Amino acid sequence: SKSPGQRALIVLMGPVVNLILAYVCFWCMFVIGFVDMDLSSKNVPALVGDVVYHSPAQQAGLMKGDKIVSVDGKKIERWSDLLEAVTLSKKSSLMMTLKRKDVLMNVLVLPQEMHQKDIFGRDHMIRRIGVAPSPMNDAKGITVTRYGFFGSFLKAAEELWTITVKTYVGLYEMIIGVHSPKEMMGIVGMFFVVKFALTIGFSYVLYIVGLISASLAIFNLLPLVPLDGGHLFFIGLEKLRGKPLSVKTEDFIVKAGFTLIMILALFVFYADFERAGWIDKFIKLFTGKAS
C-alpha cells in the first residue's frame, strides 16, 4: 500500500544498517589501534628487523637493518616483494643484493623448506629464509597504527569505500574469469577467520566484524531476487513503467533468482569444505585415498 519511494527506503535500510555497523567497527578499530596484517602495504619496507638464529639468513650473513634491494635480479621495493621472491622461487639458492650503511653487498641465501599450518589447520610446505620486517613494535610482530578520535572518522570512511570497491571489482573479475569463484568464502570459512582473529586481538576482531557486515550490505545490494537489490530493481521498474510487473512475471524472476542464490550458496559451502580440507578427508574415508 506504500509508494515505491517509501518501499525502496524500507528495503534499503537493511544494507544501510550493515554499512553503519561496518563503519562503527572500523572507526573503533582505528581509535584503539589498527592491527596491520597487510605486509603488502607501503608502510612495510623490505628492511630486515630481525634475523632468526641459525636460519639461512643468518648463515648468509644478513643483519638487522639491512635493506633488501633485489633477489636474483628482481627489484624489491616492499616486504611483500621479498616474500613473493622467496616463496615462489624453485631454486635451491637465491642471490640477494642488500644495502648496509649505504654499501651494496651480494649474498647467497639457501632457503629452507618447512611445514606451516594455515588458519584452516591445513599443513603446507613453505620456503623461508628466517627474517622479519623492521616496523614491528610488539611481541607478536604486528604493526599497530593508531589514529586520533576525529581522524578515525575519515579513515573508517576510506576503509569502507576501499572494501566496497574491491568487492565489486572482485565480483566482476570472477565473472570474466580473472579469479576463481572458489576464492569466495562462506559461513564455514568465516568461522576459521574469526577464530584466527581472536588469537590476534580485539582490534582485528573488530575489523573482521566490519568486513563481514560491509560484505553483507554489498552482496545484498546486487540486483538479484530475493536480495534487497533485487527488490529495489523491481521497485525501480515499477517507478519507470508506472505499474508493477505482472504476478506471473515477478513470480518467475523470484524463483529463478532464488534458485541461483541456492546454487551459489551450495558452491560456497563446497569451496569452504574444500578449503578446510574436509572434502579430502571425506573422500579418503570412503576410498582410502585423497583426491
C-alpha atoms as a PDB file:
ATOM      1  CA  SER A   1       0.000   0.000   0.000  1.00  0.00           C
ATOM      2  CA  LYS A   2       3.025   2.313   0.272  1.00  0.00           C
ATOM      3  CA  SER A   3       4.537   4.336  -2.558  1.00  0.00           C
ATOM      4  CA  PRO A   4       7.573   2.964  -4.486  1.00  0.00           C
ATOM      5  CA  GLY A   5       9.819   5.514  -2.777  1.00  0.00           C
ATOM      6  CA  GLN A   6       8.690   4.507   0.700  1.00  0.00           C
ATOM      7  CA  ARG A   7       9.051   0.796  -0.066  1.00  0.00           C
ATOM      8  CA  ALA A   8      12.509   1.391  -1.554  1.00  0.00           C
ATOM      9  CA  LEU A   9      13.546   3.243   1.612  1.00  0.00           C
ATOM     10  CA  ILE A  10      12.362   0.342   3.794  1.00  0.00           C
ATOM     11  CA  VAL A  11      14.253  -2.220   1.686  1.00  0.00           C
ATOM     12  CA  LEU A  12      17.361  -0.036   1.601  1.00  0.00           C
ATOM     13  CA  MET A  13      17.551   0.261   5.382  1.00  0.00           C
ATOM     14  CA  GLY A  14      18.837  -3.311   5.754  1.00  0.00           C
ATOM     15  CA  PRO A  15      22.075  -2.743   3.791  1.00  0.00           C
ATOM     16  CA  VAL A  16      22.388   0.775   5.274  1.00  0.00           C
ATOM     17  CA  VAL A  17      22.370  -0.636   8.822  1.00  0.00           C
ATOM     18  CA  ASN A  18      25.058  -3.160   7.795  1.00  0.00           C
ATOM     19  CA  LEU A  19      27.193  -0.341   6.367  1.00  0.00           C
ATOM     20  CA  ILE A  20      26.723   1.747   9.522  1.00  0.00           C
ATOM     21  CA  LEU A  21      27.795  -1.202  11.694  1.00  0.00           C
ATOM     22  CA  ALA A  22      30.844  -1.739   9.466  1.00  0.00           C
ATOM     23  CA  TYR A  23      31.743   1.960   9.694  1.00  0.00           C
ATOM     24  CA  VAL A  24      31.434   1.968  13.507  1.00  0.00           C
ATOM     25  CA  CYS A  25      33.637  -1.151  13.763  1.00  0.00           C
ATOM     26  CA  PHE A  26      36.311   0.417  11.544  1.00  0.00           C
ATOM     27  CA  TRP A  27      36.151   3.696  13.498  1.00  0.00           C
ATOM     28  CA  CYS A  28      36.608   1.870  16.826  1.00  0.00           C
ATOM     29  CA  MET A  29      39.439  -0.168  15.336  1.00  0.00           C
ATOM     30  CA  PHE A  30      41.360   2.921  14.193  1.00  0.00           C
ATOM     31  CA  VAL A  31      40.804   4.663  17.542  1.00  0.00           C
ATOM     32  CA  ILE A  32      42.046   1.824  19.760  1.00  0.00           C
ATOM     33  CA  GLY A  33      44.754   0.684  17.325  1.00  0.00           C
ATOM     34  CA  PHE A  34      44.669  -0.949  13.935  1.00  0.00           C
ATOM     35  CA  VAL A  35      46.440  -4.291  13.751  1.00  0.00           C
ATOM     36  CA  ASP A  36      48.131  -4.102  10.356  1.00  0.00           C
ATOM     37  CA  MET A  37      48.395  -7.643   8.998  1.00  0.00           C
ATOM     38  CA  ASP A  38      48.889  -6.480   5.398  1.00  0.00           C
ATOM     39  CA  LEU A  39      52.580  -6.921   4.639  1.00  0.00           C
ATOM     40  CA  SER A  40      51.963  -5.605   1.114  1.00  0.00           C
ATOM     41  CA  SER A  41      51.218  -2.110   2.419  1.00  0.00           C
ATOM     42  CA  LYS A  42      53.710   0.634   1.659  1.00  0.00           C
ATOM     43  CA  ASN A  43      54.497   1.153   5.350  1.00  0.00           C
ATOM     44  CA  VAL A  44      56.265  -2.222   5.471  1.00  0.00           C
ATOM     45  CA  PRO A  45      59.569  -1.737   3.606  1.00  0.00           C
ATOM     46  CA  ALA A  46      61.995  -4.522   2.725  1.00  0.00           C
ATOM     47  CA  LEU A  47      64.077  -3.711   5.782  1.00  0.00           C
ATOM     48  CA  VAL A  48      65.335  -6.544   7.981  1.00  0.00           C
ATOM     49  CA  GLY A  49      64.159  -6.085  11.561  1.00  0.00           C
ATOM     50  CA  ASP A  50      65.175  -9.440  12.995  1.00  0.00           C
ATOM     51  CA  VAL A  51      67.210 -12.460  11.922  1.00  0.00           C
ATOM     52  CA  VAL A  52      66.343 -15.904  13.286  1.00  0.00           C
ATOM     53  CA  TYR A  53      69.230 -17.702  14.995  1.00  0.00           C
ATOM     54  CA  HIS A  54      70.778 -20.461  12.842  1.00  0.00           C
ATOM     55  CA  SER A  55      68.475 -19.541   9.943  1.00  0.00           C
ATOM     56  CA  PRO A  56      69.577 -19.427   6.283  1.00  0.00           C
ATOM     57  CA  ALA A  57      69.605 -15.620   6.530  1.00  0.00           C
ATOM     58  CA  GLN A  58      71.998 -15.617   9.481  1.00  0.00           C
ATOM     59  CA  GLN A  59      74.253 -18.204   7.835  1.00  0.00           C
ATOM     60  CA  ALA A  60      74.372 -15.987   4.735  1.00  0.00           C
ATOM     61  CA  GLY A  61      75.404 -13.004   6.852  1.00  0.00           C
ATOM     62  CA  LEU A  62      72.218 -10.905   6.863  1.00  0.00           C
ATOM     63  CA  MET A  63      71.938  -8.472   9.763  1.00  0.00           C
ATOM     64  CA  LYS A  64      69.316  -6.292  11.398  1.00  0.00           C
ATOM     65  CA  GLY A  65      68.959  -3.031   9.468  1.00  0.00           C
ATOM     66  CA  ASP A  66      69.873  -4.486   6.074  1.00  0.00           C
ATOM     67  CA  LYS A  67      67.692  -3.239   3.236  1.00  0.00           C
ATOM     68  CA  ILE A  68      66.930  -5.883   0.594  1.00  0.00           C
ATOM     69  CA  VAL A  69      67.393  -4.314  -2.847  1.00  0.00           C
ATOM     70  CA  SER A  70      66.917  -7.267  -5.189  1.00  0.00           C
ATOM     71  CA  VAL A  71      66.579 -11.062  -5.303  1.00  0.00           C
ATOM     72  CA  ASP A  72      68.048 -12.855  -8.331  1.00  0.00           C
ATOM     73  CA  GLY A  73      67.982  -9.579 -10.207  1.00  0.00           C
ATOM     74  CA  LYS A  74      64.331  -8.792  -9.378  1.00  0.00           C
ATOM     75  CA  LYS A  75      63.877  -5.382  -7.752  1.00  0.00           C
ATOM     76  CA  ILE A  76      62.492  -5.481  -4.199  1.00  0.00           C
ATOM     77  CA  GLU A  77      60.538  -2.429  -3.001  1.00  0.00           C
ATOM     78  CA  ARG A  78      58.260  -3.759  -0.243  1.00  0.00           C
ATOM     79  CA  TRP A  79      58.307  -6.659   2.173  1.00  0.00           C
ATOM     80  CA  SER A  80      55.647  -8.408   0.087  1.00  0.00           C
ATOM     81  CA  ASP A  81      58.067  -8.414  -2.868  1.00  0.00           C
ATOM     82  CA  LEU A  82      60.616 -10.248  -0.727  1.00  0.00           C
ATOM     83  CA  LEU A  83      58.003 -12.762   0.483  1.00  0.00           C
ATOM     84  CA  GLU A  84      56.950 -13.444  -3.097  1.00  0.00           C
ATOM     85  CA  ALA A  85      60.531 -13.810  -4.331  1.00  0.00           C
ATOM     86  CA  VAL A  86      61.368 -16.338  -1.607  1.00  0.00           C
ATOM     87  CA  THR A  87      58.154 -18.385  -1.513  1.00  0.00           C
ATOM     88  CA  LEU A  88      57.628 -18.638  -5.283  1.00  0.00           C
ATOM     89  CA  SER A  89      61.234 -19.400  -6.179  1.00  0.00           C
ATOM     90  CA  LYS A  90      62.046 -23.012  -7.049  1.00  0.00           C
ATOM     91  CA  LYS A  91      65.818 -22.546  -6.970  1.00  0.00           C
ATOM     92  CA  SER A  92      67.933 -24.023  -4.191  1.00  0.00           C
ATOM     93  CA  SER A  93      69.802 -20.731  -3.713  1.00  0.00           C
ATOM     94  CA  LEU A  94      68.935 -17.055  -4.059  1.00  0.00           C
ATOM     95  CA  MET A  95      71.349 -14.236  -4.862  1.00  0.00           C
ATOM     96  CA  MET A  96      70.318 -11.227  -2.770  1.00  0.00           C
ATOM     97  CA  THR A  97      71.575  -7.703  -3.136  1.00  0.00           C
ATOM     98  CA  LEU A  98      71.308  -5.696   0.065  1.00  0.00           C
ATOM     99  CA  LYS A  99      72.310  -2.256   1.258  1.00  0.00           C
ATOM    100  CA  ARG A 100      74.138  -1.963   4.577  1.00  0.00           C
ATOM    101  CA  LYS A 101      75.178   1.532   5.677  1.00  0.00           C
ATOM    102  CA  ASP A 102      74.985   2.813   2.073  1.00  0.00           C
ATOM    103  CA  VAL A 103      77.168  -0.073   0.858  1.00  0.00           C
ATOM    104  CA  LEU A 104      75.725  -2.585  -1.643  1.00  0.00           C
ATOM    105  CA  MET A 105      76.514  -6.241  -0.962  1.00  0.00           C
ATOM    106  CA  ASN A 106      75.667  -9.546  -2.659  1.00  0.00           C
ATOM    107  CA  VAL A 107      74.927 -12.596  -0.510  1.00  0.00           C
ATOM    108  CA  LEU A 108      73.904 -16.143  -1.430  1.00  0.00           C
ATOM    109  CA  VAL A 109      70.975 -17.445   0.657  1.00  0.00           C
ATOM    110  CA  LEU A 110      69.784 -21.070   0.742  1.00  0.00           C
ATOM    111  CA  PRO A 111      66.025 -21.026   1.517  1.00  0.00           C
ATOM    112  CA  GLN A 112      64.770 -23.619   3.979  1.00  0.00           C
ATOM    113  CA  GLU A 113      61.569 -25.600   3.437  1.00  0.00           C
ATOM    114  CA  MET A 114      59.348 -26.053   6.470  1.00  0.00           C
ATOM    115  CA  HIS A 115      55.830 -27.111   7.396  1.00  0.00           C
ATOM    116  CA  GLN A 116      53.298 -24.470   8.402  1.00  0.00           C
ATOM    117  CA  LYS A 117      49.587 -24.659   9.137  1.00  0.00           C
ATOM    118  CA  ASP A 118      47.192 -22.057   7.709  1.00  0.00           C
ATOM    119  CA  ILE A 119      44.136 -20.668   9.559  1.00  0.00           C
ATOM    120  CA  PHE A 120      42.113 -23.689   8.383  1.00  0.00           C
ATOM    121  CA  GLY A 121      44.538 -26.113  10.011  1.00  0.00           C
ATOM    122  CA  ARG A 122      45.906 -27.440   6.714  1.00  0.00           C
ATOM    123  CA  ASP A 123      49.611 -28.227   6.511  1.00  0.00           C
ATOM    124  CA  HIS A 124      51.655 -26.535   3.781  1.00  0.00           C
ATOM    125  CA  MET A 125      55.298 -26.734   2.757  1.00  0.00           C
ATOM    126  CA  ILE A 126      56.705 -23.192   2.573  1.00  0.00           C
ATOM    127  CA  ARG A 127      60.116 -21.648   1.886  1.00  0.00           C
ATOM    128  CA  ARG A 128      61.645 -19.307   4.471  1.00  0.00           C
ATOM    129  CA  ILE A 129      64.997 -17.617   4.992  1.00  0.00           C
ATOM    130  CA  GLY A 130      64.436 -16.553   8.626  1.00  0.00           C
ATOM    131  CA  VAL A 131      63.962 -12.772   8.629  1.00  0.00           C
ATOM    132  CA  ALA A 132      61.219 -10.482   9.989  1.00  0.00           C
ATOM    133  CA  PRO A 133      60.333  -6.981   8.746  1.00  0.00           C
ATOM    134  CA  SER A 134      61.562  -3.914  10.604  1.00  0.00           C
ATOM    135  CA  PRO A 135      58.406  -1.923  11.557  1.00  0.00           C
ATOM    136  CA  MET A 136      57.349  -4.348  14.254  1.00  0.00           C
ATOM    137  CA  ASN A 137      56.624  -2.971  17.679  1.00  0.00           C
ATOM    138  CA  ASP A 138      55.152  -5.715  19.818  1.00  0.00           C
ATOM    139  CA  ALA A 139      55.851  -9.281  20.908  1.00  0.00           C
ATOM    140  CA  LYS A 140      53.721 -10.814  18.170  1.00  0.00           C
ATOM    141  CA  GLY A 141      55.492  -8.953  15.395  1.00  0.00           C
ATOM    142  CA  ILE A 142      52.438  -6.935  14.401  1.00  0.00           C
ATOM    143  CA  THR A 143      52.449  -3.348  13.216  1.00  0.00           C
ATOM    144  CA  VAL A 144      49.954  -1.322  15.251  1.00  0.00           C
ATOM    145  CA  THR A 145      48.740   2.009  13.850  1.00  0.00           C
ATOM    146  CA  ARG A 146      46.538   4.374  15.834  1.00  0.00           C
ATOM    147  CA  TYR A 147      44.622   7.437  14.653  1.00  0.00           C
ATOM    148  CA  GLY A 148      43.054  10.225  16.647  1.00  0.00           C
ATOM    149  CA  PHE A 149      39.406  10.370  17.704  1.00  0.00           C
ATOM    150  CA  PHE A 150      38.459  12.653  14.807  1.00  0.00           C
ATOM    151  CA  GLY A 151      40.986  11.311  12.305  1.00  0.00           C
ATOM    152  CA  SER A 152      39.415   7.866  12.616  1.00  0.00           C
ATOM    153  CA  PHE A 153      36.134   9.170  11.157  1.00  0.00           C
ATOM    154  CA  LEU A 154      37.796   9.849   7.804  1.00  0.00           C
ATOM    155  CA  LYS A 155      39.978   6.733   7.957  1.00  0.00           C
ATOM    156  CA  ALA A 156      36.943   4.495   8.619  1.00  0.00           C
ATOM    157  CA  ALA A 157      35.122   6.010   5.638  1.00  0.00           C
ATOM    158  CA  GLU A 158      38.182   5.394   3.426  1.00  0.00           C
ATOM    159  CA  GLU A 159      38.390   1.777   4.599  1.00  0.00           C
ATOM    160  CA  LEU A 160      34.687   1.184   3.933  1.00  0.00           C
ATOM    161  CA  TRP A 161      34.971   2.715   0.472  1.00  0.00           C
ATOM    162  CA  THR A 162      38.076   0.650  -0.344  1.00  0.00           C
ATOM    163  CA  ILE A 163      36.386  -2.601   0.718  1.00  0.00           C
ATOM    164  CA  THR A 164      33.263  -1.748  -1.318  1.00  0.00           C
ATOM    165  CA  VAL A 165      35.258  -1.020  -4.476  1.00  0.00           C
ATOM    166  CA  LYS A 166      37.492  -4.075  -4.064  1.00  0.00           C
ATOM    167  CA  THR A 167      34.466  -6.335  -3.508  1.00  0.00           C
ATOM    168  CA  TYR A 168      32.645  -5.202  -6.643  1.00  0.00           C
ATOM    169  CA  VAL A 169      35.859  -5.343  -8.671  1.00  0.00           C
ATOM    170  CA  GLY A 170      36.482  -8.854  -7.314  1.00  0.00           C
ATOM    171  CA  LEU A 171      32.965  -9.977  -8.280  1.00  0.00           C
ATOM    172  CA  TYR A 172      33.438  -8.546 -11.775  1.00  0.00           C
ATOM    173  CA  GLU A 173      36.805 -10.294 -12.167  1.00  0.00           C
ATOM    174  CA  MET A 174      35.195 -13.581 -11.104  1.00  0.00           C
ATOM    175  CA  ILE A 175      32.509 -13.126 -13.765  1.00  0.00           C
ATOM    176  CA  ILE A 176      35.086 -12.516 -16.531  1.00  0.00           C
ATOM    177  CA  GLY A 177      37.295 -15.372 -15.286  1.00  0.00           C
ATOM    178  CA  VAL A 178      40.250 -13.448 -13.835  1.00  0.00           C
ATOM    179  CA  HIS A 179      39.719 -15.069 -10.420  1.00  0.00           C
ATOM    180  CA  SER A 180      38.186 -18.392  -9.458  1.00  0.00           C
ATOM    181  CA  PRO A 181      34.771 -18.353  -7.739  1.00  0.00           C
ATOM    182  CA  LYS A 182      36.341 -20.727  -5.205  1.00  0.00           C
ATOM    183  CA  GLU A 183      38.005 -17.663  -3.660  1.00  0.00           C
ATOM    184  CA  MET A 184      34.618 -16.702  -2.184  1.00  0.00           C
ATOM    185  CA  MET A 185      34.245 -17.522   1.486  1.00  0.00           C
ATOM    186  CA  GLY A 186      31.076 -18.551   3.306  1.00  0.00           C
ATOM    187  CA  ILE A 187      29.994 -19.187   6.880  1.00  0.00           C
ATOM    188  CA  VAL A 188      32.391 -22.085   7.433  1.00  0.00           C
ATOM    189  CA  GLY A 189      35.351 -20.103   6.142  1.00  0.00           C
ATOM    190  CA  MET A 190      34.432 -17.068   8.225  1.00  0.00           C
ATOM    191  CA  PHE A 191      34.347 -19.258  11.340  1.00  0.00           C
ATOM    192  CA  PHE A 192      38.038 -20.064  10.845  1.00  0.00           C
ATOM    193  CA  VAL A 193      38.836 -16.416  10.081  1.00  0.00           C
ATOM    194  CA  VAL A 194      37.100 -15.193  13.252  1.00  0.00           C
ATOM    195  CA  LYS A 195      38.795 -17.943  15.261  1.00  0.00           C
ATOM    196  CA  PHE A 196      42.151 -16.751  13.941  1.00  0.00           C
ATOM    197  CA  ALA A 197      41.219 -13.115  14.631  1.00  0.00           C
ATOM    198  CA  LEU A 198      40.583 -13.945  18.298  1.00  0.00           C
ATOM    199  CA  THR A 199      44.211 -15.048  18.619  1.00  0.00           C
ATOM    200  CA  ILE A 200      45.458 -11.709  17.250  1.00  0.00           C
ATOM    201  CA  GLY A 201      43.476  -9.222  19.321  1.00  0.00           C
ATOM    202  CA  PHE A 202      40.257  -7.286  19.740  1.00  0.00           C
ATOM    203  CA  SER A 203      41.043  -4.712  17.046  1.00  0.00           C
ATOM    204  CA  TYR A 204      41.415  -7.437  14.427  1.00  0.00           C
ATOM    205  CA  VAL A 205      38.083  -8.947  15.530  1.00  0.00           C
ATOM    206  CA  LEU A 206      36.514  -5.512  15.001  1.00  0.00           C
ATOM    207  CA  TYR A 207      37.990  -5.434  11.510  1.00  0.00           C
ATOM    208  CA  ILE A 208      36.595  -8.874  10.654  1.00  0.00           C
ATOM    209  CA  VAL A 209      33.132  -7.973  12.012  1.00  0.00           C
ATOM    210  CA  GLY A 210      33.203  -4.751   9.990  1.00  0.00           C
ATOM    211  CA  LEU A 211      34.338  -6.622   6.898  1.00  0.00           C
ATOM    212  CA  ILE A 212      31.544  -9.212   7.256  1.00  0.00           C
ATOM    213  CA  SER A 213      28.920  -6.510   7.827  1.00  0.00           C
ATOM    214  CA  ALA A 214      30.126  -4.495   4.822  1.00  0.00           C
ATOM    215  CA  SER A 215      30.197  -7.629   2.656  1.00  0.00           C
ATOM    216  CA  LEU A 216      26.611  -8.453   3.643  1.00  0.00           C
ATOM    217  CA  ALA A 217      25.492  -4.974   2.598  1.00  0.00           C
ATOM    218  CA  ILE A 218      27.423  -5.092  -0.681  1.00  0.00           C
ATOM    219  CA  PHE A 219      26.150  -8.563  -1.580  1.00  0.00           C
ATOM    220  CA  ASN A 220      22.580  -7.688  -0.575  1.00  0.00           C
ATOM    221  CA  LEU A 221      22.557  -4.763  -2.999  1.00  0.00           C
ATOM    222  CA  LEU A 222      23.189  -6.997  -6.020  1.00  0.00           C
ATOM    223  CA  PRO A 223      20.157  -6.851  -8.382  1.00  0.00           C
ATOM    224  CA  LEU A 224      19.092 -10.436  -7.693  1.00  0.00           C
ATOM    225  CA  VAL A 225      15.855 -11.555  -6.048  1.00  0.00           C
ATOM    226  CA  PRO A 226      15.427 -12.418  -3.157  1.00  0.00           C
ATOM    227  CA  LEU A 227      18.235  -9.999  -2.238  1.00  0.00           C
ATOM    228  CA  ASP A 228      17.402  -6.415  -1.298  1.00  0.00           C
ATOM    229  CA  GLY A 229      18.982  -5.228  -4.530  1.00  0.00           C
ATOM    230  CA  GLY A 230      16.523  -7.389  -6.472  1.00  0.00           C
ATOM    231  CA  HIS A 231      13.560  -5.838  -4.664  1.00  0.00           C
ATOM    232  CA  LEU A 232      14.972  -2.374  -5.352  1.00  0.00           C
ATOM    233  CA  PHE A 233      15.262  -3.353  -9.018  1.00  0.00           C
ATOM    234  CA  PHE A 234      11.585  -4.358  -9.053  1.00  0.00           C
ATOM    235  CA  ILE A 235      10.594  -1.084  -7.394  1.00  0.00           C
ATOM    236  CA  GLY A 236      12.669   0.848  -9.939  1.00  0.00           C
ATOM    237  CA  LEU A 237      10.943  -0.921 -12.823  1.00  0.00           C
ATOM    238  CA  GLU A 238       7.578  -0.162 -11.262  1.00  0.00           C
ATOM    239  CA  LYS A 239       8.511   3.524 -10.993  1.00  0.00           C
ATOM    240  CA  LEU A 240       9.627   3.640 -14.640  1.00  0.00           C
ATOM    241  CA  ARG A 241       6.628   1.705 -16.001  1.00  0.00           C
ATOM    242  CA  GLY A 242       4.082   3.384 -13.755  1.00  0.00           C
ATOM    243  CA  LYS A 243       2.814  -0.028 -12.687  1.00  0.00           C
ATOM    244  CA  PRO A 244       4.295  -3.214 -11.182  1.00  0.00           C
ATOM    245  CA  LEU A 245       5.213  -6.295 -13.178  1.00  0.00           C
ATOM    246  CA  SER A 246       2.588  -8.970 -13.626  1.00  0.00           C
ATOM    247  CA  VAL A 247       2.326 -11.522 -10.828  1.00  0.00           C
ATOM    248  CA  LYS A 248       3.344 -14.307 -13.224  1.00  0.00           C
ATOM    249  CA  THR A 249       6.473 -12.476 -14.453  1.00  0.00           C
ATOM    250  CA  GLU A 250       7.523 -11.460 -10.967  1.00  0.00           C
ATOM    251  CA  ASP A 251       6.982 -14.995  -9.673  1.00  0.00           C
ATOM    252  CA  PHE A 252       9.196 -16.414 -12.449  1.00  0.00           C
ATOM    253  CA  ILE A 253      12.004 -13.927 -11.718  1.00  0.00           C
ATOM    254  CA  VAL A 254      11.784 -14.617  -7.970  1.00  0.00           C
ATOM    255  CA  LYS A 255      12.028 -18.385  -8.492  1.00  0.00           C
ATOM    256  CA  ALA A 256      14.940 -18.028 -10.939  1.00  0.00           C
ATOM    257  CA  GLY A 257      16.797 -15.682  -8.588  1.00  0.00           C
ATOM    258  CA  PHE A 258      16.174 -17.901  -5.564  1.00  0.00           C
ATOM    259  CA  THR A 259      17.465 -20.938  -7.488  1.00  0.00           C
ATOM    260  CA  LEU A 260      20.599 -19.041  -8.490  1.00  0.00           C
ATOM    261  CA  ILE A 261      21.235 -17.932  -4.893  1.00  0.00           C
ATOM    262  CA  MET A 262      20.790 -21.504  -3.606  1.00  0.00           C
ATOM    263  CA  ILE A 263      23.236 -22.857  -6.220  1.00  0.00           C
ATOM    264  CA  LEU A 264      25.716 -20.140  -5.247  1.00  0.00           C
ATOM    265  CA  ALA A 265      25.284 -20.958  -1.543  1.00  0.00           C
ATOM    266  CA  LEU A 266      25.929 -24.663  -2.153  1.00  0.00           C
ATOM    267  CA  PHE A 267      29.003 -23.820  -4.233  1.00  0.00           C
ATOM    268  CA  VAL A 268      30.389 -21.555  -1.493  1.00  0.00           C
ATOM    269  CA  PHE A 269      29.800 -24.264   1.121  1.00  0.00           C
ATOM    270  CA  TYR A 270      31.676 -26.739  -1.099  1.00  0.00           C
ATOM    271  CA  ALA A 271      34.548 -24.258  -1.533  1.00  0.00           C
ATOM    272  CA  ASP A 272      34.686 -23.774   2.253  1.00  0.00           C
ATOM    273  CA  PHE A 273      34.714 -27.527   2.891  1.00  0.00           C
ATOM    274  CA  GLU A 274      37.462 -27.999   0.299  1.00  0.00           C
ATOM    275  CA  ARG A 275      39.474 -25.096   1.745  1.00  0.00           C
ATOM    276  CA  ALA A 276      39.221 -26.606   5.224  1.00  0.00           C
ATOM    277  CA  GLY A 277      40.368 -29.991   3.888  1.00  0.00           C
ATOM    278  CA  TRP A 278      37.085 -31.737   4.713  1.00  0.00           C
ATOM    279  CA  ILE A 279      36.461 -32.875   1.117  1.00  0.00           C
ATOM    280  CA  ASP A 280      39.777 -34.754   1.023  1.00  0.00           C
ATOM    281  CA  LYS A 281      39.039 -36.315   4.416  1.00  0.00           C
ATOM    282  CA  PHE A 282      35.589 -37.403   3.219  1.00  0.00           C
ATOM    283  CA  ILE A 283      36.975 -38.947   0.037  1.00  0.00           C
ATOM    284  CA  LYS A 284      39.768 -40.654   1.973  1.00  0.00           C
ATOM    285  CA  LEU A 285      37.255 -42.049   4.443  1.00  0.00           C
ATOM    286  CA  PHE A 286      35.314 -43.877   1.696  1.00  0.00           C
ATOM    287  CA  THR A 287      38.030 -44.572  -0.892  1.00  0.00           C
ATOM    288  CA  GLY A 288      41.161 -44.827   1.227  1.00  0.00           C
ATOM    289  CA  LYS A 289      42.943 -42.112  -0.771  1.00  0.00           C
ATOM    290  CA  ALA A 290      42.770 -38.319  -1.096  1.00  0.00           C
ATOM    291  CA  SER A 291      41.582 -36.511  -4.241  1.00  0.00           C
END
